[in-house]
């Protein structure tokens, strides 16, 4: 598991993706702190790491990254995203503005080197 505060290269994500899932990296993004944790078997483990380090539950959202894809690089799908009290009733992220915010954060942190 790795906390990404500044940047991570697409090549590093590609290596991570082959280690566990063969093409994807599980990620939890803190939309308030604009950081993310990558490279764990479960989004819940990444979520716990961020919570233990001062993040707030409502700011954490699970996604998957596919480093070898250009078009569908980000997949908004995780069990941790099911949050009825925030009107998110599915594994996806239903709020389009929140999806855009997460996309901006991911593109800021992931470098195509």
PDB file of N, CA and C in Angstrom:
ATOM      1  N   UNK A   1       0.849  -1.173   0.000  1.00  0.00           N
ATOM      2  CA  UNK A   1       0.000   0.000   0.000  1.00  0.00           C
ATOM      3  C   UNK A   1       0.896   1.237   0.000  1.00  0.00           C
ATOM      4  N   UNK A   2       0.462   2.240  -0.773  1.00  0.00           N
ATOM      5  CA  UNK A   2       1.270   3.450  -0.890  1.00  0.00           C
ATOM      6  C   UNK A   2       0.367   4.682  -0.861  1.00  0.00           C
ATOM      7  N   UNK A   3       0.753   5.657  -0.038  1.00  0.00           N
ATOM      8  CA  UNK A   3       0.077   6.944  -0.004  1.00  0.00           C
ATOM      9  C   UNK A   3       0.683   7.828  -1.083  1.00  0.00           C
ATOM     10  N   UNK A   4      -0.163   8.393  -1.937  1.00  0.00           N
ATOM     11  CA  UNK A   4       0.304   9.289  -2.995  1.00  0.00           C
ATOM     12  C   UNK A   4      -0.153  10.703  -2.644  1.00  0.00           C
ATOM     13  N   UNK A   5       0.823  11.534  -2.270  1.00  0.00           N
ATOM     14  CA  UNK A   5       0.537  12.920  -1.917  1.00  0.00           C
ATOM     15  C   UNK A   5       0.984  13.885  -3.004  1.00  0.00           C
ATOM     16  N   UNK A   6       2.051  13.534  -3.702  1.00  0.00           N
ATOM     17  CA  UNK A   6       2.600  14.407  -4.737  1.00  0.00           C
ATOM     18  C   UNK A   6       2.341  13.848  -6.128  1.00  0.00           C
ATOM     19  N   UNK A   7       2.941  12.695  -6.418  1.00  0.00           N
ATOM     20  CA  UNK A   7       2.715  12.091  -7.735  1.00  0.00           C
ATOM     21  C   UNK A   7       3.151  10.634  -7.740  1.00  0.00           C
ATOM     22  N   UNK A   8       2.643   9.925  -8.738  1.00  0.00           N
ATOM     23  CA  UNK A   8       3.036   8.550  -9.006  1.00  0.00           C
ATOM     24  C   UNK A   8       3.053   8.401 -10.524  1.00  0.00           C
ATOM     25  N   UNK A   9       4.001   7.650 -11.030  1.00  0.00           N
ATOM     26  CA  UNK A   9       4.091   7.497 -12.483  1.00  0.00           C
ATOM     27  C   UNK A   9       3.140   6.415 -12.974  1.00  0.00           C
ATOM     28  N   UNK A  10       2.730   6.551 -14.200  1.00  0.00           N
ATOM     29  CA  UNK A  10       1.880   5.541 -14.825  1.00  0.00           C
ATOM     30  C   UNK A  10       2.613   4.206 -14.892  1.00  0.00           C
ATOM     31  N   UNK A  11       3.938   4.253 -15.056  1.00  0.00           N
ATOM     32  CA  UNK A  11       4.726   3.015 -15.093  1.00  0.00           C
ATOM     33  C   UNK A  11       4.687   2.286 -13.757  1.00  0.00           C
ATOM     34  N   UNK A  12       4.764   3.039 -12.663  1.00  0.00           N
ATOM     35  CA  UNK A  12       4.677   2.415 -11.341  1.00  0.00           C
ATOM     36  C   UNK A  12       3.294   1.792 -11.134  1.00  0.00           C
ATOM     37  N   UNK A  13       2.254   2.492 -11.561  1.00  0.00           N
ATOM     38  CA  UNK A  13       0.902   1.930 -11.475  1.00  0.00           C
ATOM     39  C   UNK A  13       0.781   0.670 -12.323  1.00  0.00           C
ATOM     40  N   UNK A  14       1.396   0.686 -13.492  1.00  0.00           N
ATOM     41  CA  UNK A  14       1.355  -0.481 -14.381  1.00  0.00           C
ATOM     42  C   UNK A  14       1.982  -1.695 -13.693  1.00  0.00           C
ATOM     43  N   UNK A  15       3.121  -1.490 -13.037  1.00  0.00           N
ATOM     44  CA  UNK A  15       3.787  -2.588 -12.310  1.00  0.00           C
ATOM     45  C   UNK A  15       2.903  -3.089 -11.170  1.00  0.00           C
ATOM     46  N   UNK A  16       2.298  -2.169 -10.438  1.00  0.00           N
ATOM     47  CA  UNK A  16       1.394  -2.551  -9.347  1.00  0.00           C
ATOM     48  C   UNK A  16       0.214  -3.358  -9.876  1.00  0.00           C
ATOM     49  N   UNK A  17      -0.305  -2.947 -11.018  1.00  0.00           N
ATOM     50  CA  UNK A  17      -1.497  -3.599 -11.569  1.00  0.00           C
ATOM     51  C   UNK A  17      -1.237  -5.051 -11.932  1.00  0.00           C
ATOM     52  N   UNK A  18      -0.035  -5.384 -12.281  1.00  0.00           N
ATOM     53  CA  UNK A  18       0.290  -6.752 -12.670  1.00  0.00           C
ATOM     54  C   UNK A  18       0.541  -7.649 -11.454  1.00  0.00           C
ATOM     55  N   UNK A  19       0.867  -7.055 -10.329  1.00  0.00           N
ATOM     56  CA  UNK A  19       1.205  -7.825  -9.136  1.00  0.00           C
ATOM     57  C   UNK A  19       0.002  -8.539  -8.515  1.00  0.00           C
ATOM     58  N   UNK A  20      -1.116  -7.878  -8.430  1.00  0.00           N
ATOM     59  CA  UNK A  20      -2.255  -8.453  -7.707  1.00  0.00           C
ATOM     60  C   UNK A  20      -3.408  -8.821  -8.640  1.00  0.00           C
ATOM     61  N   UNK A  21      -3.849  -7.892  -9.470  1.00  0.00           N
ATOM     62  CA  UNK A  21      -5.087  -8.084 -10.220  1.00  0.00           C
ATOM     63  C   UNK A  21      -4.912  -8.225 -11.726  1.00  0.00           C
ATOM     64  N   UNK A  22      -3.707  -8.164 -12.218  1.00  0.00           N
ATOM     65  CA  UNK A  22      -3.497  -8.347 -13.645  1.00  0.00           C
ATOM     66  C   UNK A  22      -4.138  -7.287 -14.516  1.00  0.00           C
ATOM     67  N   UNK A  23      -3.916  -6.031 -14.199  1.00  0.00           N
ATOM     68  CA  UNK A  23      -4.408  -4.968 -15.066  1.00  0.00           C
ATOM     69  C   UNK A  23      -5.086  -3.808 -14.374  1.00  0.00           C
ATOM     70  N   UNK A  24      -5.409  -3.957 -13.089  1.00  0.00           N
ATOM     71  CA  UNK A  24      -6.040  -2.838 -12.390  1.00  0.00           C
ATOM     72  C   UNK A  24      -5.384  -2.617 -11.038  1.00  0.00           C
ATOM     73  N   UNK A  25      -5.512  -1.373 -10.572  1.00  0.00           N
ATOM     74  CA  UNK A  25      -5.020  -0.985  -9.250  1.00  0.00           C
ATOM     75  C   UNK A  25      -6.204  -0.415  -8.478  1.00  0.00           C
ATOM     76  N   UNK A  26      -6.444  -0.944  -7.294  1.00  0.00           N
ATOM     77  CA  UNK A  26      -7.495  -0.401  -6.424  1.00  0.00           C
ATOM     78  C   UNK A  26      -6.956   0.863  -5.761  1.00  0.00           C
ATOM     79  N   UNK A  27      -7.819   1.867  -5.669  1.00  0.00           N
ATOM     80  CA  UNK A  27      -7.419   3.183  -5.172  1.00  0.00           C
ATOM     81  C   UNK A  27      -8.540   3.749  -4.306  1.00  0.00           C
ATOM     82  N   UNK A  28      -8.165   4.438  -3.236  1.00  0.00           N
ATOM     83  CA  UNK A  28      -9.125   5.249  -2.493  1.00  0.00           C
ATOM     84  C   UNK A  28      -8.615   6.683  -2.514  1.00  0.00           C
ATOM     85  N   UNK A  29      -9.499   7.591  -2.931  1.00  0.00           N
ATOM     86  CA  UNK A  29      -9.166   9.009  -3.058  1.00  0.00           C
ATOM     87  C   UNK A  29      -9.818   9.779  -1.915  1.00  0.00           C
ATOM     88  N   UNK A  30      -9.029  10.659  -1.281  1.00  0.00           N
ATOM     89  CA  UNK A  30      -9.555  11.608  -0.306  1.00  0.00           C
ATOM     90  C   UNK A  30      -9.773  12.912  -1.066  1.00  0.00           C
ATOM     91  N   UNK A  31     -11.035  13.258  -1.322  1.00  0.00           N
ATOM     92  CA  UNK A  31     -11.322  14.418  -2.158  1.00  0.00           C
ATOM     93  C   UNK A  31     -11.056  15.739  -1.444  1.00  0.00           C
ATOM     94  N   UNK A  32     -10.995  15.733  -0.131  1.00  0.00           N
ATOM     95  CA  UNK A  32     -10.700  16.957   0.612  1.00  0.00           C
ATOM     96  C   UNK A  32      -9.195  17.222   0.660  1.00  0.00           C
ATOM     97  N   UNK A  33      -8.422  16.207   0.996  1.00  0.00           N
ATOM     98  CA  UNK A  33      -6.962  16.349   1.087  1.00  0.00           C
ATOM     99  C   UNK A  33      -6.274  16.233  -0.269  1.00  0.00           C
ATOM    100  N   UNK A  34      -7.010  15.755  -1.274  1.00  0.00           N
ATOM    101  CA  UNK A  34      -6.491  15.550  -2.629  1.00  0.00           C
ATOM    102  C   UNK A  34      -5.279  14.624  -2.641  1.00  0.00           C
ATOM    103  N   UNK A  35      -5.424  13.498  -1.935  1.00  0.00           N
ATOM    104  CA  UNK A  35      -4.416  12.433  -1.915  1.00  0.00           C
ATOM    105  C   UNK A  35      -5.125  11.123  -2.224  1.00  0.00           C
ATOM    106  N   UNK A  36      -4.334  10.086  -2.470  1.00  0.00           N
ATOM    107  CA  UNK A  36      -4.923   8.768  -2.689  1.00  0.00           C
ATOM    108  C   UNK A  36      -3.989   7.691  -2.178  1.00  0.00           C
ATOM    109  N   UNK A  37      -4.580   6.555  -1.835  1.00  0.00           N
ATOM    110  CA  UNK A  37      -3.815   5.376  -1.453  1.00  0.00           C
ATOM    111  C   UNK A  37      -4.030   4.344  -2.548  1.00  0.00           C
ATOM    112  N   UNK A  38      -2.926   3.712  -2.962  1.00  0.00           N
ATOM    113  CA  UNK A  38      -2.968   2.734  -4.051  1.00  0.00           C
ATOM    114  C   UNK A  38      -2.359   1.416  -3.603  1.00  0.00           C
ATOM    115  N   UNK A  39      -2.651   0.371  -4.371  1.00  0.00           N
ATOM    116  CA  UNK A  39      -1.943  -0.907  -4.271  1.00  0.00           C
ATOM    117  C   UNK A  39      -2.268  -1.717  -3.021  1.00  0.00           C
ATOM    118  N   UNK A  40      -3.545  -1.991  -2.824  1.00  0.00           N
ATOM    119  CA  UNK A  40      -3.971  -2.929  -1.783  1.00  0.00           C
ATOM    120  C   UNK A  40      -4.968  -3.899  -2.411  1.00  0.00           C
ATOM    121  N   UNK A  41      -5.190  -5.010  -1.748  1.00  0.00           N
ATOM    122  CA  UNK A  41      -6.137  -5.994  -2.275  1.00  0.00           C
ATOM    123  C   UNK A  41      -7.582  -5.540  -2.133  1.00  0.00           C
ATOM    124  N   UNK A  42      -7.844  -4.694  -1.141  1.00  0.00           N
ATOM    125  CA  UNK A  42      -9.223  -4.251  -0.903  1.00  0.00           C
ATOM    126  C   UNK A  42      -9.273  -2.741  -0.695  1.00  0.00           C
ATOM    127  N   UNK A  43     -10.305  -2.117  -1.257  1.00  0.00           N
ATOM    128  CA  UNK A  43     -10.516  -0.691  -1.017  1.00  0.00           C
ATOM    129  C   UNK A  43     -10.660  -0.413   0.477  1.00  0.00           C
ATOM    130  N   UNK A  44     -11.265  -1.338   1.205  1.00  0.00           N
ATOM    131  CA  UNK A  44     -11.487  -1.148   2.644  1.00  0.00           C
ATOM    132  C   UNK A  44     -10.171  -0.987   3.402  1.00  0.00           C
ATOM    133  N   UNK A  45      -9.122  -1.680   2.973  1.00  0.00           N
ATOM    134  CA  UNK A  45      -7.813  -1.533   3.625  1.00  0.00           C
ATOM    135  C   UNK A  45      -7.242  -0.138   3.383  1.00  0.00           C
ATOM    136  N   UNK A  46      -7.399   0.358   2.159  1.00  0.00           N
ATOM    137  CA  UNK A  46      -6.915   1.702   1.835  1.00  0.00           C
ATOM    138  C   UNK A  46      -7.730   2.754   2.585  1.00  0.00           C
ATOM    139  N   UNK A  47      -9.035   2.530   2.652  1.00  0.00           N
ATOM    140  CA  UNK A  47      -9.918   3.431   3.390  1.00  0.00           C
ATOM    141  C   UNK A  47      -9.502   3.493   4.863  1.00  0.00           C
ATOM    142  N   UNK A  48      -9.252   2.345   5.473  1.00  0.00           N
ATOM    143  CA  UNK A  48      -8.834   2.292   6.876  1.00  0.00           C
ATOM    144  C   UNK A  48      -7.527   3.051   7.087  1.00  0.00           C
ATOM    145  N   UNK A  49      -6.582   2.875   6.168  1.00  0.00           N
ATOM    146  CA  UNK A  49      -5.302   3.584   6.267  1.00  0.00           C
ATOM    147  C   UNK A  49      -5.545   5.096   6.317  1.00  0.00           C
ATOM    148  N   UNK A  50      -6.368   5.592   5.416  1.00  0.00           N
ATOM    149  CA  UNK A  50      -6.628   7.031   5.382  1.00  0.00           C
ATOM    150  C   UNK A  50      -7.387   7.494   6.623  1.00  0.00           C
ATOM    151  N   UNK A  51      -8.363   6.714   7.076  1.00  0.00           N
ATOM    152  CA  UNK A  51      -9.091   7.068   8.295  1.00  0.00           C
ATOM    153  C   UNK A  51      -8.157   7.116   9.498  1.00  0.00           C
ATOM    154  N   UNK A  52      -7.248   6.154   9.584  1.00  0.00           N
ATOM    155  CA  UNK A  52      -6.279   6.116  10.685  1.00  0.00           C
ATOM    156  C   UNK A  52      -5.316   7.298  10.638  1.00  0.00           C
ATOM    157  N   UNK A  53      -5.233   7.942   9.472  1.00  0.00           N
ATOM    158  CA  UNK A  53      -4.319   9.070   9.306  1.00  0.00           C
ATOM    159  C   UNK A  53      -5.058  10.397   9.144  1.00  0.00           C
ATOM    160  N   UNK A  54      -6.266  10.466   9.699  1.00  0.00           N
ATOM    161  CA  UNK A  54      -6.961  11.735   9.818  1.00  0.00           C
ATOM    162  C   UNK A  54      -7.982  12.084   8.752  1.00  0.00           C
ATOM    163  N   UNK A  55      -8.193  11.227   7.781  1.00  0.00           N
ATOM    164  CA  UNK A  55      -9.211  11.512   6.764  1.00  0.00           C
ATOM    165  C   UNK A  55     -10.607  11.306   7.344  1.00  0.00           C
ATOM    166  N   UNK A  56     -11.594  11.920   6.708  1.00  0.00           N
ATOM    167  CA  UNK A  56     -12.993  11.771   7.112  1.00  0.00           C
ATOM    168  C   UNK A  56     -13.693  10.825   6.143  1.00  0.00           C
ATOM    169  N   UNK A  57     -14.527   9.960   6.683  1.00  0.00           N
ATOM    170  CA  UNK A  57     -15.231   8.942   5.895  1.00  0.00           C
ATOM    171  C   UNK A  57     -15.930   9.523   4.668  1.00  0.00           C
ATOM    172  N   UNK A  58     -16.617  10.644   4.843  1.00  0.00           N
ATOM    173  CA  UNK A  58     -17.392  11.214   3.740  1.00  0.00           C
ATOM    174  C   UNK A  58     -16.524  11.718   2.594  1.00  0.00           C
ATOM    175  N   UNK A  59     -15.225  11.875   2.831  1.00  0.00           N
ATOM    176  CA  UNK A  59     -14.303  12.369   1.803  1.00  0.00           C
ATOM    177  C   UNK A  59     -13.637  11.251   1.012  1.00  0.00           C
ATOM    178  N   UNK A  60     -13.875   9.995   1.381  1.00  0.00           N
ATOM    179  CA  UNK A  60     -13.158   8.862   0.787  1.00  0.00           C
ATOM    180  C   UNK A  60     -14.034   8.114  -0.208  1.00  0.00           C
ATOM    181  N   UNK A  61     -13.465   7.879  -1.398  1.00  0.00           N
ATOM    182  CA  UNK A  61     -14.199   7.211  -2.473  1.00  0.00           C
ATOM    183  C   UNK A  61     -13.296   6.208  -3.166  1.00  0.00           C
ATOM    184  N   UNK A  62     -13.851   5.037  -3.445  1.00  0.00           N
ATOM    185  CA  UNK A  62     -13.086   3.959  -4.062  1.00  0.00           C
ATOM    186  C   UNK A  62     -13.221   3.944  -5.576  1.00  0.00           C
ATOM    187  N   UNK A  63     -12.081   3.756  -6.235  1.00  0.00           N
ATOM    188  CA  UNK A  63     -12.042   3.651  -7.693  1.00  0.00           C
ATOM    189  C   UNK A  63     -11.055   2.555  -8.075  1.00  0.00           C
ATOM    190  N   UNK A  64     -11.043   2.216  -9.344  1.00  0.00           N
ATOM    191  CA  UNK A  64     -10.033   1.326  -9.904  1.00  0.00           C
ATOM    192  C   UNK A  64      -9.357   2.063 -11.044  1.00  0.00           C
ATOM    193  N   UNK A  65      -8.042   1.897 -11.148  1.00  0.00           N
ATOM    194  CA  UNK A  65      -7.298   2.477 -12.264  1.00  0.00           C
ATOM    195  C   UNK A  65      -6.801   1.361 -13.163  1.00  0.00           C
ATOM    196  N   UNK A  66      -6.911   1.581 -14.456  1.00  0.00           N
ATOM    197  CA  UNK A  66      -6.434   0.640 -15.472  1.00  0.00           C
ATOM    198  C   UNK A  66      -5.312   1.329 -16.240  1.00  0.00           C
ATOM    199  N   UNK A  67      -4.057   1.177 -15.795  1.00  0.00           N
ATOM    200  CA  UNK A  67      -2.936   1.933 -16.360  1.00  0.00           C
ATOM    201  C   UNK A  67      -2.698   1.731 -17.851  1.00  0.00           C
ATOM    202  N   UNK A  68      -3.134   0.612 -18.407  1.00  0.00           N
ATOM    203  CA  UNK A  68      -2.902   0.363 -19.826  1.00  0.00           C
ATOM    204  C   UNK A  68      -4.001   0.926 -20.721  1.00  0.00           C
ATOM    205  N   UNK A  69      -5.062   1.464 -20.139  1.00  0.00           N
ATOM    206  CA  UNK A  69      -6.164   2.013 -20.932  1.00  0.00           C
ATOM    207  C   UNK A  69      -6.098   3.533 -20.944  1.00  0.00           C
ATOM    208  N   UNK A  70      -6.440   4.111 -22.054  1.00  0.00           N
ATOM    209  CA  UNK A  70      -6.497   5.576 -22.148  1.00  0.00           C
ATOM    210  C   UNK A  70      -7.923   6.062 -21.860  1.00  0.00           C
ATOM    211  N   UNK A  71      -8.884   5.479 -22.583  1.00  0.00           N
ATOM    212  CA  UNK A  71     -10.269   5.936 -22.532  1.00  0.00           C
ATOM    213  C   UNK A  71     -10.941   5.628 -21.190  1.00  0.00           C
ATOM    214  N   UNK A  72     -10.830   4.411 -20.721  1.00  0.00           N
ATOM    215  CA  UNK A  72     -11.488   3.983 -19.485  1.00  0.00           C
ATOM    216  C   UNK A  72     -10.477   3.777 -18.357  1.00  0.00           C
ATOM    217  N   UNK A  73      -9.562   4.711 -18.210  1.00  0.00           N
ATOM    218  CA  UNK A  73      -8.495   4.648 -17.215  1.00  0.00           C
ATOM    219  C   UNK A  73      -9.051   4.573 -15.792  1.00  0.00           C
ATOM    220  N   UNK A  74     -10.135   5.307 -15.521  1.00  0.00           N
ATOM    221  CA  UNK A  74     -10.734   5.357 -14.182  1.00  0.00           C
ATOM    222  C   UNK A  74     -12.086   4.648 -14.201  1.00  0.00           C
ATOM    223  N   UNK A  75     -12.259   3.720 -13.253  1.00  0.00           N
ATOM    224  CA  UNK A  75     -13.542   3.047 -13.062  1.00  0.00           C
ATOM    225  C   UNK A  75     -14.050   3.404 -11.668  1.00  0.00           C
ATOM    226  N   UNK A  76     -15.230   3.967 -11.603  1.00  0.00           N
ATOM    227  CA  UNK A  76     -15.818   4.391 -10.333  1.00  0.00           C
ATOM    228  C   UNK A  76     -16.643   3.243  -9.767  1.00  0.00           C
ATOM    229  N   UNK A  77     -15.982   2.302  -9.097  1.00  0.00           N
ATOM    230  CA  UNK A  77     -16.669   1.100  -8.623  1.00  0.00           C
ATOM    231  C   UNK A  77     -15.990   0.557  -7.373  1.00  0.00           C
ATOM    232  N   UNK A  78     -16.717   0.565  -6.262  1.00  0.00           N
ATOM    233  CA  UNK A  78     -16.194   0.006  -5.017  1.00  0.00           C
ATOM    234  C   UNK A  78     -17.332  -0.165  -4.013  1.00  0.00           C
ATOM    235  N   UNK A  79     -17.220  -1.209  -3.214  1.00  0.00           N
ATOM    236  CA  UNK A  79     -18.200  -1.428  -2.144  1.00  0.00           C
ATOM    237  C   UNK A  79     -18.220  -0.266  -1.151  1.00  0.00           C
ATOM    238  N   UNK A  80     -17.084   0.398  -0.937  1.00  0.00           N
ATOM    239  CA  UNK A  80     -17.063   1.488   0.047  1.00  0.00           C
ATOM    240  C   UNK A  80     -17.876   2.692  -0.412  1.00  0.00           C
ATOM    241  N   UNK A  81     -18.258   2.718  -1.689  1.00  0.00           N
ATOM    242  CA  UNK A  81     -19.025   3.852  -2.212  1.00  0.00           C
ATOM    243  C   UNK A  81     -20.514   3.772  -1.897  1.00  0.00           C
ATOM    244  N   UNK A  82     -20.986   2.643  -1.402  1.00  0.00           N
ATOM    245  CA  UNK A  82     -22.407   2.517  -1.063  1.00  0.00           C
ATOM    246  C   UNK A  82     -22.649   3.304   0.225  1.00  0.00           C
ATOM    247  N   UNK A  83     -23.284   4.466   0.074  1.00  0.00           N
ATOM    248  CA  UNK A  83     -23.498   5.372   1.206  1.00  0.00           C
ATOM    249  C   UNK A  83     -24.880   6.013   1.111  1.00  0.00           C
ATOM    250  N   UNK A  84     -25.888   5.317   1.596  1.00  0.00           N
ATOM    251  CA  UNK A  84     -27.250   5.854   1.516  1.00  0.00           C
ATOM    252  C   UNK A  84     -27.402   7.240   2.144  1.00  0.00           C
ATOM    253  N   UNK A  85     -26.702   7.502   3.239  1.00  0.00           N
ATOM    254  CA  UNK A  85     -26.850   8.803   3.902  1.00  0.00           C
ATOM    255  C   UNK A  85     -26.314   9.950   3.054  1.00  0.00           C
ATOM    256  N   UNK A  86     -25.461   9.618   2.046  1.00  0.00           N
ATOM    257  CA  UNK A  86     -24.958  10.628   1.115  1.00  0.00           C
ATOM    258  C   UNK A  86     -25.646  10.509  -0.247  1.00  0.00           C
ATOM    259  N   UNK A  87     -26.754   9.783  -0.273  1.00  0.00           N
ATOM    260  CA  UNK A  87     -27.525   9.553  -1.498  1.00  0.00           C
ATOM    261  C   UNK A  87     -26.732   8.829  -2.577  1.00  0.00           C
ATOM    262  N   UNK A  88     -25.775   8.018  -2.186  1.00  0.00           N
ATOM    263  CA  UNK A  88     -25.040   7.181  -3.139  1.00  0.00           C
ATOM    264  C   UNK A  88     -25.429   5.736  -2.840  1.00  0.00           C
ATOM    265  N   UNK A  89     -26.323   5.204  -3.656  1.00  0.00           N
ATOM    266  CA  UNK A  89     -26.929   3.905  -3.369  1.00  0.00           C
ATOM    267  C   UNK A  89     -26.290   2.749  -4.121  1.00  0.00           C
ATOM    268  N   UNK A  90     -25.221   3.004  -4.840  1.00  0.00           N
ATOM    269  CA  UNK A  90     -24.591   1.945  -5.629  1.00  0.00           C
ATOM    270  C   UNK A  90     -23.088   1.917  -5.387  1.00  0.00           C
ATOM    271  N   UNK A  91     -22.449   0.915  -5.971  1.00  0.00           N
ATOM    272  CA  UNK A  91     -20.990   0.809  -5.898  1.00  0.00           C
ATOM    273  C   UNK A  91     -20.313   1.906  -6.712  1.00  0.00           C
ATOM    274  N   UNK A  92     -21.032   2.465  -7.658  1.00  0.00           N
ATOM    275  CA  UNK A  92     -20.509   3.562  -8.470  1.00  0.00           C
ATOM    276  C   UNK A  92     -20.580   4.870  -7.702  1.00  0.00           C
ATOM    277  N   UNK A  93     -20.145   5.942  -8.345  1.00  0.00           N
ATOM    278  CA  UNK A  93     -20.258   7.275  -7.750  1.00  0.00           C
ATOM    279  C   UNK A  93     -21.282   8.021  -8.590  1.00  0.00           C
ATOM    280  N   UNK A  94     -22.451   8.247  -8.006  1.00  0.00           N
ATOM    281  CA  UNK A  94     -23.591   8.753  -8.758  1.00  0.00           C
ATOM    282  C   UNK A  94     -23.534  10.253  -9.029  1.00  0.00           C
ATOM    283  N   UNK A  95     -22.846  11.000  -8.191  1.00  0.00           N
ATOM    284  CA  UNK A  95     -22.751  12.454  -8.335  1.00  0.00           C
ATOM    285  C   UNK A  95     -21.709  12.798  -9.406  1.00  0.00           C
ATOM    286  N   UNK A  96     -22.180  13.369 -10.512  1.00  0.00           N
ATOM    287  CA  UNK A  96     -21.275  13.692 -11.621  1.00  0.00           C
ATOM    288  C   UNK A  96     -20.191  14.687 -11.212  1.00  0.00           C
ATOM    289  N   UNK A  97     -20.540  15.671 -10.390  1.00  0.00           N
ATOM    290  CA  UNK A  97     -19.541  16.650  -9.943  1.00  0.00           C
ATOM    291  C   UNK A  97     -18.456  15.987  -9.104  1.00  0.00           C
ATOM    292  N   UNK A  98     -18.839  15.027  -8.285  1.00  0.00           N
ATOM    293  CA  UNK A  98     -17.861  14.294  -7.482  1.00  0.00           C
ATOM    294  C   UNK A  98     -16.955  13.451  -8.378  1.00  0.00           C
ATOM    295  N   UNK A  99     -17.525  12.802  -9.394  1.00  0.00           N
ATOM    296  CA  UNK A  99     -16.707  12.037 -10.348  1.00  0.00           C
ATOM    297  C   UNK A  99     -15.700  12.947 -11.045  1.00  0.00           C
ATOM    298  N   UNK A 100     -16.142  14.141 -11.428  1.00  0.00           N
ATOM    299  CA  UNK A 100     -15.232  15.102 -12.077  1.00  0.00           C
ATOM    300  C   UNK A 100     -14.122  15.520 -11.119  1.00  0.00           C
ATOM    301  N   UNK A 101     -14.484  15.767  -9.883  1.00  0.00           N
ATOM    302  CA  UNK A 101     -13.492  16.173  -8.872  1.00  0.00           C
ATOM    303  C   UNK A 101     -12.445  15.080  -8.673  1.00  0.00           C
ATOM    304  N   UNK A 102     -12.891  13.829  -8.581  1.00  0.00           N
ATOM    305  CA  UNK A 102     -11.975  12.699  -8.430  1.00  0.00           C
ATOM    306  C   UNK A 102     -11.085  12.577  -9.658  1.00  0.00           C
ATOM    307  N   UNK A 103     -11.651  12.743 -10.838  1.00  0.00           N
ATOM    308  CA  UNK A 103     -10.878  12.658 -12.080  1.00  0.00           C
ATOM    309  C   UNK A 103      -9.769  13.702 -12.097  1.00  0.00           C
ATOM    310  N   UNK A 104     -10.074  14.924 -11.690  1.00  0.00           N
ATOM    311  CA  UNK A 104      -9.067  15.993 -11.639  1.00  0.00           C
ATOM    312  C   UNK A 104      -7.948  15.620 -10.670  1.00  0.00           C
ATOM    313  N   UNK A 105      -8.297  15.110  -9.501  1.00  0.00           N
ATOM    314  CA  UNK A 105      -7.290  14.718  -8.504  1.00  0.00           C
ATOM    315  C   UNK A 105      -6.404  13.610  -9.048  1.00  0.00           C
ATOM    316  N   UNK A 106      -7.003  12.594  -9.649  1.00  0.00           N
ATOM    317  CA  UNK A 106      -6.226  11.471 -10.192  1.00  0.00           C
ATOM    318  C   UNK A 106      -5.274  11.960 -11.272  1.00  0.00           C
ATOM    319  N   UNK A 107      -5.755  12.798 -12.177  1.00  0.00           N
ATOM    320  CA  UNK A 107      -4.892  13.281 -13.260  1.00  0.00           C
ATOM    321  C   UNK A 107      -3.788  14.201 -12.743  1.00  0.00           C
ATOM    322  N   UNK A 108      -4.036  14.862 -11.625  1.00  0.00           N
ATOM    323  CA  UNK A 108      -2.994  15.690 -11.007  1.00  0.00           C
ATOM    324  C   UNK A 108      -1.898  14.811 -10.392  1.00  0.00           C
ATOM    325  N   UNK A 109      -2.293  13.690  -9.809  1.00  0.00           N
ATOM    326  CA  UNK A 109      -1.335  12.836  -9.097  1.00  0.00           C
ATOM    327  C   UNK A 109      -0.633  11.813  -9.987  1.00  0.00           C
ATOM    328  N   UNK A 110      -1.262  11.389 -11.070  1.00  0.00           N
ATOM    329  CA  UNK A 110      -0.674  10.366 -11.946  1.00  0.00           C
ATOM    330  C   UNK A 110       0.050  11.046 -13.099  1.00  0.00           C
ATOM    331  N   UNK A 111       1.333  10.774 -13.200  1.00  0.00           N
ATOM    332  CA  UNK A 111       2.174  11.382 -14.240  1.00  0.00           C
ATOM    333  C   UNK A 111       2.451  10.377 -15.346  1.00  0.00           C
ATOM    334  N   UNK A 112       2.289  10.817 -16.577  1.00  0.00           N
ATOM    335  CA  UNK A 112       2.543   9.963 -17.747  1.00  0.00           C
ATOM    336  C   UNK A 112       4.005  10.047 -18.167  1.00  0.00           C
ATOM    337  N   UNK A 113       4.890   9.553 -17.343  1.00  0.00           N
ATOM    338  CA  UNK A 113       6.334   9.612 -17.638  1.00  0.00           C
ATOM    339  C   UNK A 113       6.786   8.363 -18.333  1.00  0.00           C
TER     340      UNK A 113
END
